[in-house]
Each structure stands twice: as structure tokens, then as C-alpha cells.
Amino acid sequence: ANVQAFEQTIYAFFEDEETGCTQIFDLDLFTRNTPQTESPEPLTLCDDNETGVRTFDLSLVEDEVLQNVENTDELIIEYYNNLQGAEEQNPGNLINNPEEYESQSDNQIVYIRITD
């Protein structure tokens, strides 16, 4: 654990056992507070043409999710079809076009991954 909050330099000492040569390296540690994101309200659309498919703009929830986060300009926001895909950044579960996402079932859950 770092002793100094948010930023600290630690030093590593290396010695070659054969030659006796030594070297010291410095390593800067930085910690950041976890952003406090919000769970968005569900997006809802009527199935007027009774096809079972509706097109959603998932990006509409971004302001709501990030309302308590500062400096959102450099965040990467990705949408996934399942939790495992979001946790593992599995490209097979990535929703490539969140602005025109066609639902796959009623009451579907979409997972948002936010990284910087």
C-alpha cells in the first residue's frame, strides 16, 4: 500500500548476483478515486409495428450515467450485450453502433463499460 495518498514514488533495488552490479529504479504510483456513476432509467419504446424489434439510441443515457463524474471528455464508453462481455471487453459482445441499437428481446439489459 502506498503511504502517501494519490501519488507516491517508490524505489526498486536490483542486484545481479553474478556480477554484483546494482541499479535503483524509481516508480511513480498514482491512485484515483473511482468515478461515481449512476444507473440510468430504463429506455422504453413501443413496438408499434409488432415486429418485436425496436431501435434504441443507447447514448441518450450517457449524461445521466456520468452526471457525478468530472472530466468526461476523455472517457471511453462502450456498450455490451452481457455482463461477461463488459467485464472482459469481449469484442464479440460489443455493441458497435449504440446510436442505432436494435433490441434482441423484451426487457433486455445492456451493460455499459466506462474507461479512461
N, C-alpha and C. Protein backbone atom coordinates (compact mmCIF):
# COMPACT_ATOMS: atom_id res chain seq x y z
N ALA A 1 0.85 -1.18 0.00
CA ALA A 1 0.00 0.00 0.00
C ALA A 1 0.89 1.23 0.00
N ASN A 2 0.44 2.22 -0.78
CA ASN A 2 1.21 3.45 -0.77
C ASN A 2 0.93 4.21 0.51
N VAL A 3 1.93 4.93 1.00
CA VAL A 3 1.84 5.65 2.27
C VAL A 3 1.23 7.03 2.05
N GLN A 4 1.55 7.64 0.93
CA GLN A 4 1.08 8.99 0.63
C GLN A 4 -0.14 8.87 -0.30
N ALA A 5 -1.22 9.55 0.05
CA ALA A 5 -2.46 9.45 -0.73
C ALA A 5 -2.29 9.99 -2.15
N PHE A 6 -2.84 9.27 -3.10
CA PHE A 6 -2.98 9.63 -4.51
C PHE A 6 -1.71 9.61 -5.34
N GLU A 7 -0.55 9.85 -4.75
CA GLU A 7 0.66 9.92 -5.56
C GLU A 7 1.87 9.66 -4.68
N GLN A 8 2.74 8.77 -5.14
CA GLN A 8 3.93 8.47 -4.36
C GLN A 8 4.98 7.85 -5.27
N THR A 9 6.24 8.12 -4.98
CA THR A 9 7.35 7.50 -5.69
C THR A 9 7.95 6.44 -4.79
N ILE A 10 8.11 5.24 -5.33
CA ILE A 10 8.80 4.17 -4.60
C ILE A 10 10.05 3.80 -5.39
N TYR A 11 10.96 3.11 -4.74
CA TYR A 11 12.24 2.78 -5.38
C TYR A 11 12.45 1.27 -5.32
N ALA A 12 12.97 0.74 -6.43
CA ALA A 12 13.26 -0.69 -6.51
C ALA A 12 14.77 -0.85 -6.65
N PHE A 13 15.33 -1.77 -5.90
CA PHE A 13 16.77 -2.04 -5.91
C PHE A 13 16.99 -3.40 -6.57
N PHE A 14 17.84 -3.43 -7.59
CA PHE A 14 18.16 -4.68 -8.28
C PHE A 14 19.65 -4.94 -8.18
N GLU A 15 20.00 -6.22 -7.94
CA GLU A 15 21.40 -6.60 -7.87
C GLU A 15 21.60 -7.87 -8.68
N ASP A 16 22.58 -7.84 -9.57
CA ASP A 16 22.94 -9.02 -10.35
C ASP A 16 23.84 -9.88 -9.47
N GLU A 17 23.40 -11.09 -9.14
CA GLU A 17 24.14 -11.95 -8.22
C GLU A 17 25.49 -12.39 -8.79
N GLU A 18 25.59 -12.49 -10.11
CA GLU A 18 26.86 -12.92 -10.72
C GLU A 18 27.89 -11.81 -10.73
N THR A 19 27.47 -10.60 -11.10
CA THR A 19 28.44 -9.52 -11.26
C THR A 19 28.51 -8.59 -10.06
N GLY A 20 27.49 -8.62 -9.23
CA GLY A 20 27.44 -7.70 -8.09
C GLY A 20 27.01 -6.30 -8.47
N CYS A 21 26.71 -6.08 -9.75
CA CYS A 21 26.26 -4.75 -10.20
C CYS A 21 24.87 -4.48 -9.66
N THR A 22 24.63 -3.23 -9.31
CA THR A 22 23.33 -2.85 -8.76
C THR A 22 22.76 -1.68 -9.54
N GLN A 23 21.46 -1.55 -9.43
CA GLN A 23 20.78 -0.43 -10.06
C GLN A 23 19.51 -0.12 -9.26
N ILE A 24 19.19 1.15 -9.16
CA ILE A 24 17.98 1.58 -8.47
C ILE A 24 17.07 2.27 -9.49
N PHE A 25 15.81 1.86 -9.47
CA PHE A 25 14.80 2.45 -10.35
C PHE A 25 13.74 3.12 -9.48
N ASP A 26 13.20 4.22 -10.00
CA ASP A 26 12.07 4.83 -9.31
C ASP A 26 10.79 4.51 -10.07
N LEU A 27 9.72 4.38 -9.32
CA LEU A 27 8.43 4.03 -9.88
C LEU A 27 7.39 4.95 -9.24
N ASP A 28 6.67 5.70 -10.07
CA ASP A 28 5.63 6.59 -9.57
C ASP A 28 4.30 5.85 -9.52
N LEU A 29 3.65 5.91 -8.35
CA LEU A 29 2.33 5.30 -8.16
C LEU A 29 1.29 6.42 -8.13
N PHE A 30 0.21 6.22 -8.87
CA PHE A 30 -0.90 7.18 -8.88
C PHE A 30 -2.19 6.42 -8.61
N THR A 31 -2.98 6.93 -7.72
CA THR A 31 -4.30 6.35 -7.48
C THR A 31 -5.34 7.43 -7.73
N ARG A 32 -6.47 6.97 -8.21
CA ARG A 32 -7.57 7.90 -8.49
C ARG A 32 -8.84 7.36 -7.84
N ASN A 33 -9.70 8.26 -7.45
CA ASN A 33 -10.99 7.85 -6.92
C ASN A 33 -11.80 7.20 -8.03
N THR A 34 -12.55 6.19 -7.69
CA THR A 34 -13.44 5.55 -8.65
C THR A 34 -14.57 6.51 -8.97
N PRO A 35 -14.84 6.73 -10.26
CA PRO A 35 -15.94 7.63 -10.60
C PRO A 35 -17.27 7.11 -10.05
N GLN A 36 -18.08 8.01 -9.57
CA GLN A 36 -19.39 7.64 -9.03
C GLN A 36 -20.43 7.77 -10.14
N THR A 37 -20.65 6.67 -10.84
CA THR A 37 -21.62 6.67 -11.92
C THR A 37 -23.00 6.34 -11.38
N GLU A 38 -24.01 6.64 -12.15
CA GLU A 38 -25.39 6.41 -11.78
C GLU A 38 -26.01 5.39 -12.73
N SER A 39 -26.92 4.59 -12.23
CA SER A 39 -27.68 3.68 -13.09
C SER A 39 -28.78 4.49 -13.77
N PRO A 40 -28.87 4.38 -15.09
CA PRO A 40 -29.86 5.18 -15.80
C PRO A 40 -31.27 4.60 -15.68
N GLU A 41 -32.23 5.45 -15.93
CA GLU A 41 -33.61 5.00 -16.03
C GLU A 41 -33.72 4.13 -17.30
N PRO A 42 -34.60 3.15 -17.30
CA PRO A 42 -34.73 2.30 -18.50
C PRO A 42 -35.17 3.10 -19.72
N LEU A 43 -34.65 2.70 -20.87
CA LEU A 43 -35.12 3.25 -22.14
C LEU A 43 -36.31 2.40 -22.58
N THR A 44 -37.39 3.05 -22.99
CA THR A 44 -38.59 2.31 -23.35
C THR A 44 -39.14 2.83 -24.68
N LEU A 45 -39.49 1.91 -25.57
CA LEU A 45 -40.14 2.25 -26.84
C LEU A 45 -41.29 1.29 -27.06
N CYS A 46 -42.32 1.76 -27.73
CA CYS A 46 -43.45 0.90 -28.10
C CYS A 46 -43.12 0.16 -29.40
N ASP A 47 -43.63 -1.04 -29.49
CA ASP A 47 -43.45 -1.85 -30.70
C ASP A 47 -44.68 -1.65 -31.59
N ASP A 48 -44.77 -0.49 -32.22
CA ASP A 48 -45.95 -0.12 -32.99
C ASP A 48 -46.20 -1.04 -34.18
N ASN A 49 -45.16 -1.53 -34.80
CA ASN A 49 -45.36 -2.39 -35.98
C ASN A 49 -45.36 -3.88 -35.61
N GLU A 50 -45.28 -4.19 -34.33
CA GLU A 50 -45.38 -5.56 -33.81
C GLU A 50 -44.38 -6.53 -34.44
N THR A 51 -43.17 -6.05 -34.65
CA THR A 51 -42.11 -6.92 -35.19
C THR A 51 -41.26 -7.53 -34.08
N GLY A 52 -41.35 -6.97 -32.88
CA GLY A 52 -40.52 -7.44 -31.78
C GLY A 52 -39.16 -6.78 -31.77
N VAL A 53 -38.90 -5.92 -32.76
CA VAL A 53 -37.61 -5.22 -32.85
C VAL A 53 -37.86 -3.73 -32.71
N ARG A 54 -37.06 -3.11 -31.86
CA ARG A 54 -37.12 -1.66 -31.69
C ARG A 54 -35.69 -1.13 -31.77
N THR A 55 -35.54 0.08 -32.29
CA THR A 55 -34.22 0.68 -32.43
C THR A 55 -34.05 1.76 -31.36
N PHE A 56 -33.00 1.59 -30.55
CA PHE A 56 -32.72 2.49 -29.44
C PHE A 56 -31.43 3.27 -29.69
N ASP A 57 -31.39 4.50 -29.19
CA ASP A 57 -30.16 5.27 -29.13
C ASP A 57 -29.64 5.16 -27.70
N LEU A 58 -28.73 4.21 -27.48
CA LEU A 58 -28.22 3.95 -26.13
C LEU A 58 -27.43 5.14 -25.57
N SER A 59 -26.86 5.95 -26.45
CA SER A 59 -26.04 7.07 -25.98
C SER A 59 -26.88 8.12 -25.24
N LEU A 60 -28.20 8.05 -25.33
CA LEU A 60 -29.06 9.01 -24.63
C LEU A 60 -28.91 8.93 -23.11
N VAL A 61 -28.40 7.82 -22.57
CA VAL A 61 -28.27 7.68 -21.11
C VAL A 61 -26.93 8.18 -20.58
N GLU A 62 -26.02 8.56 -21.47
CA GLU A 62 -24.66 8.91 -21.03
C GLU A 62 -24.63 10.09 -20.05
N ASP A 63 -25.38 11.13 -20.32
CA ASP A 63 -25.39 12.28 -19.39
C ASP A 63 -25.89 11.87 -18.02
N GLU A 64 -26.90 11.03 -17.99
CA GLU A 64 -27.45 10.57 -16.71
C GLU A 64 -26.45 9.70 -15.95
N VAL A 65 -25.79 8.80 -16.66
CA VAL A 65 -24.81 7.90 -16.03
C VAL A 65 -23.62 8.68 -15.50
N LEU A 66 -23.19 9.71 -16.22
CA LEU A 66 -21.97 10.44 -15.88
C LEU A 66 -22.23 11.75 -15.13
N GLN A 67 -23.43 11.96 -14.63
CA GLN A 67 -23.78 13.24 -14.02
C GLN A 67 -22.90 13.63 -12.84
N ASN A 68 -22.30 12.69 -12.14
CA ASN A 68 -21.43 12.99 -10.99
C ASN A 68 -19.95 12.80 -11.29
N VAL A 69 -19.61 12.68 -12.55
CA VAL A 69 -18.22 12.43 -12.95
C VAL A 69 -17.64 13.70 -13.58
N GLU A 70 -16.47 14.09 -13.11
CA GLU A 70 -15.78 15.24 -13.69
C GLU A 70 -14.89 14.78 -14.84
N ASN A 71 -14.58 15.68 -15.74
CA ASN A 71 -13.66 15.42 -16.85
C ASN A 71 -14.07 14.18 -17.66
N THR A 72 -15.23 14.24 -18.25
CA THR A 72 -15.74 13.10 -19.00
C THR A 72 -15.28 13.07 -20.46
N ASP A 73 -14.57 14.11 -20.90
CA ASP A 73 -14.20 14.22 -22.31
C ASP A 73 -13.32 13.07 -22.80
N GLU A 74 -12.47 12.54 -21.95
CA GLU A 74 -11.54 11.50 -22.40
C GLU A 74 -11.99 10.09 -22.03
N LEU A 75 -13.21 9.95 -21.54
CA LEU A 75 -13.71 8.63 -21.19
C LEU A 75 -14.10 7.84 -22.43
N ILE A 76 -13.90 6.55 -22.36
CA ILE A 76 -14.33 5.64 -23.42
C ILE A 76 -15.57 4.93 -22.90
N ILE A 77 -16.67 5.07 -23.61
CA ILE A 77 -17.93 4.47 -23.21
C ILE A 77 -18.29 3.40 -24.23
N GLU A 78 -18.43 2.16 -23.73
CA GLU A 78 -18.77 1.04 -24.60
C GLU A 78 -20.00 0.34 -24.06
N TYR A 79 -20.77 -0.24 -24.95
CA TYR A 79 -22.00 -0.95 -24.59
C TYR A 79 -21.85 -2.42 -24.98
N TYR A 80 -22.33 -3.31 -24.10
CA TYR A 80 -22.20 -4.75 -24.31
C TYR A 80 -23.54 -5.45 -24.10
N ASN A 81 -23.69 -6.59 -24.78
CA ASN A 81 -24.92 -7.39 -24.68
C ASN A 81 -25.01 -8.18 -23.38
N ASN A 82 -23.88 -8.41 -22.70
CA ASN A 82 -23.94 -9.17 -21.45
C ASN A 82 -22.84 -8.71 -20.51
N LEU A 83 -23.00 -9.05 -19.24
CA LEU A 83 -22.07 -8.62 -18.20
C LEU A 83 -20.67 -9.17 -18.44
N GLN A 84 -20.57 -10.44 -18.79
CA GLN A 84 -19.25 -11.04 -19.01
C GLN A 84 -18.51 -10.32 -20.14
N GLY A 85 -19.22 -9.98 -21.19
CA GLY A 85 -18.59 -9.25 -22.29
C GLY A 85 -18.06 -7.90 -21.84
N ALA A 86 -18.83 -7.20 -20.99
CA ALA A 86 -18.40 -5.89 -20.49
C ALA A 86 -17.19 -6.03 -19.57
N GLU A 87 -17.21 -7.03 -18.69
CA GLU A 87 -16.10 -7.23 -17.75
C GLU A 87 -14.82 -7.61 -18.47
N GLU A 88 -14.93 -8.42 -19.52
CA GLU A 88 -13.75 -8.93 -20.23
C GLU A 88 -13.43 -8.13 -21.49
N GLN A 89 -14.21 -7.09 -21.78
CA GLN A 89 -14.07 -6.32 -23.02
C GLN A 89 -14.06 -7.25 -24.23
N ASN A 90 -15.00 -8.18 -24.24
CA ASN A 90 -15.09 -9.16 -25.31
C ASN A 90 -15.69 -8.50 -26.55
N PRO A 91 -14.90 -8.38 -27.63
CA PRO A 91 -15.41 -7.70 -28.82
C PRO A 91 -16.62 -8.41 -29.44
N GLY A 92 -16.80 -9.69 -29.17
CA GLY A 92 -17.96 -10.41 -29.69
C GLY A 92 -19.26 -9.97 -29.07
N ASN A 93 -19.20 -9.34 -27.90
CA ASN A 93 -20.40 -8.87 -27.21
C ASN A 93 -20.54 -7.35 -27.27
N LEU A 94 -19.60 -6.68 -27.94
CA LEU A 94 -19.61 -5.22 -28.04
C LEU A 94 -20.73 -4.78 -28.99
N ILE A 95 -21.47 -3.78 -28.59
CA ILE A 95 -22.48 -3.18 -29.45
C ILE A 95 -21.78 -2.08 -30.25
N ASN A 96 -21.57 -2.33 -31.53
CA ASN A 96 -20.76 -1.44 -32.36
C ASN A 96 -21.42 -0.12 -32.71
N ASN A 97 -22.74 -0.08 -32.77
CA ASN A 97 -23.44 1.14 -33.14
C ASN A 97 -24.51 1.46 -32.09
N PRO A 98 -24.10 1.98 -30.93
CA PRO A 98 -25.07 2.21 -29.85
C PRO A 98 -26.12 3.26 -30.18
N GLU A 99 -25.87 4.11 -31.16
CA GLU A 99 -26.86 5.13 -31.53
C GLU A 99 -28.03 4.54 -32.31
N GLU A 100 -27.86 3.33 -32.86
CA GLU A 100 -28.93 2.67 -33.62
C GLU A 100 -28.97 1.19 -33.27
N TYR A 101 -29.15 0.92 -31.98
CA TYR A 101 -29.13 -0.46 -31.49
C TYR A 101 -30.51 -1.10 -31.62
N GLU A 102 -30.58 -2.23 -32.31
CA GLU A 102 -31.83 -2.98 -32.44
C GLU A 102 -31.93 -3.98 -31.30
N SER A 103 -33.01 -3.87 -30.54
CA SER A 103 -33.20 -4.75 -29.39
C SER A 103 -33.27 -6.20 -29.85
N GLN A 104 -32.85 -7.10 -28.97
CA GLN A 104 -32.84 -8.51 -29.28
C GLN A 104 -33.97 -9.25 -28.57
N SER A 105 -34.55 -8.62 -27.55
CA SER A 105 -35.65 -9.24 -26.81
C SER A 105 -36.33 -8.18 -25.96
N ASP A 106 -37.51 -8.51 -25.43
CA ASP A 106 -38.18 -7.61 -24.49
C ASP A 106 -37.40 -7.56 -23.18
N ASN A 107 -37.42 -6.42 -22.52
CA ASN A 107 -36.78 -6.25 -21.22
C ASN A 107 -35.31 -6.65 -21.24
N GLN A 108 -34.63 -6.26 -22.25
CA GLN A 108 -33.22 -6.60 -22.41
C GLN A 108 -32.35 -5.67 -21.56
N ILE A 109 -31.30 -6.22 -20.96
CA ILE A 109 -30.32 -5.43 -20.20
C ILE A 109 -29.09 -5.23 -21.07
N VAL A 110 -28.64 -3.99 -21.16
CA VAL A 110 -27.41 -3.66 -21.87
C VAL A 110 -26.43 -3.15 -20.82
N TYR A 111 -25.16 -3.55 -20.94
CA TYR A 111 -24.14 -3.19 -19.95
C TYR A 111 -23.22 -2.11 -20.51
N ILE A 112 -22.91 -1.14 -19.68
CA ILE A 112 -22.05 -0.03 -20.07
C ILE A 112 -20.70 -0.20 -19.38
N ARG A 113 -19.63 -0.09 -20.17
CA ARG A 113 -18.26 -0.11 -19.64
C ARG A 113 -17.66 1.26 -19.89
N ILE A 114 -17.13 1.87 -18.82
CA ILE A 114 -16.55 3.21 -18.91
C ILE A 114 -15.09 3.12 -18.47
N THR A 115 -14.19 3.53 -19.35
CA THR A 115 -12.75 3.52 -19.03
C THR A 115 -12.13 4.84 -19.46
N ASP A 116 -10.94 5.10 -18.92
CA ASP A 116 -10.23 6.31 -19.36
C ASP A 116 -8.90 5.95 -19.93
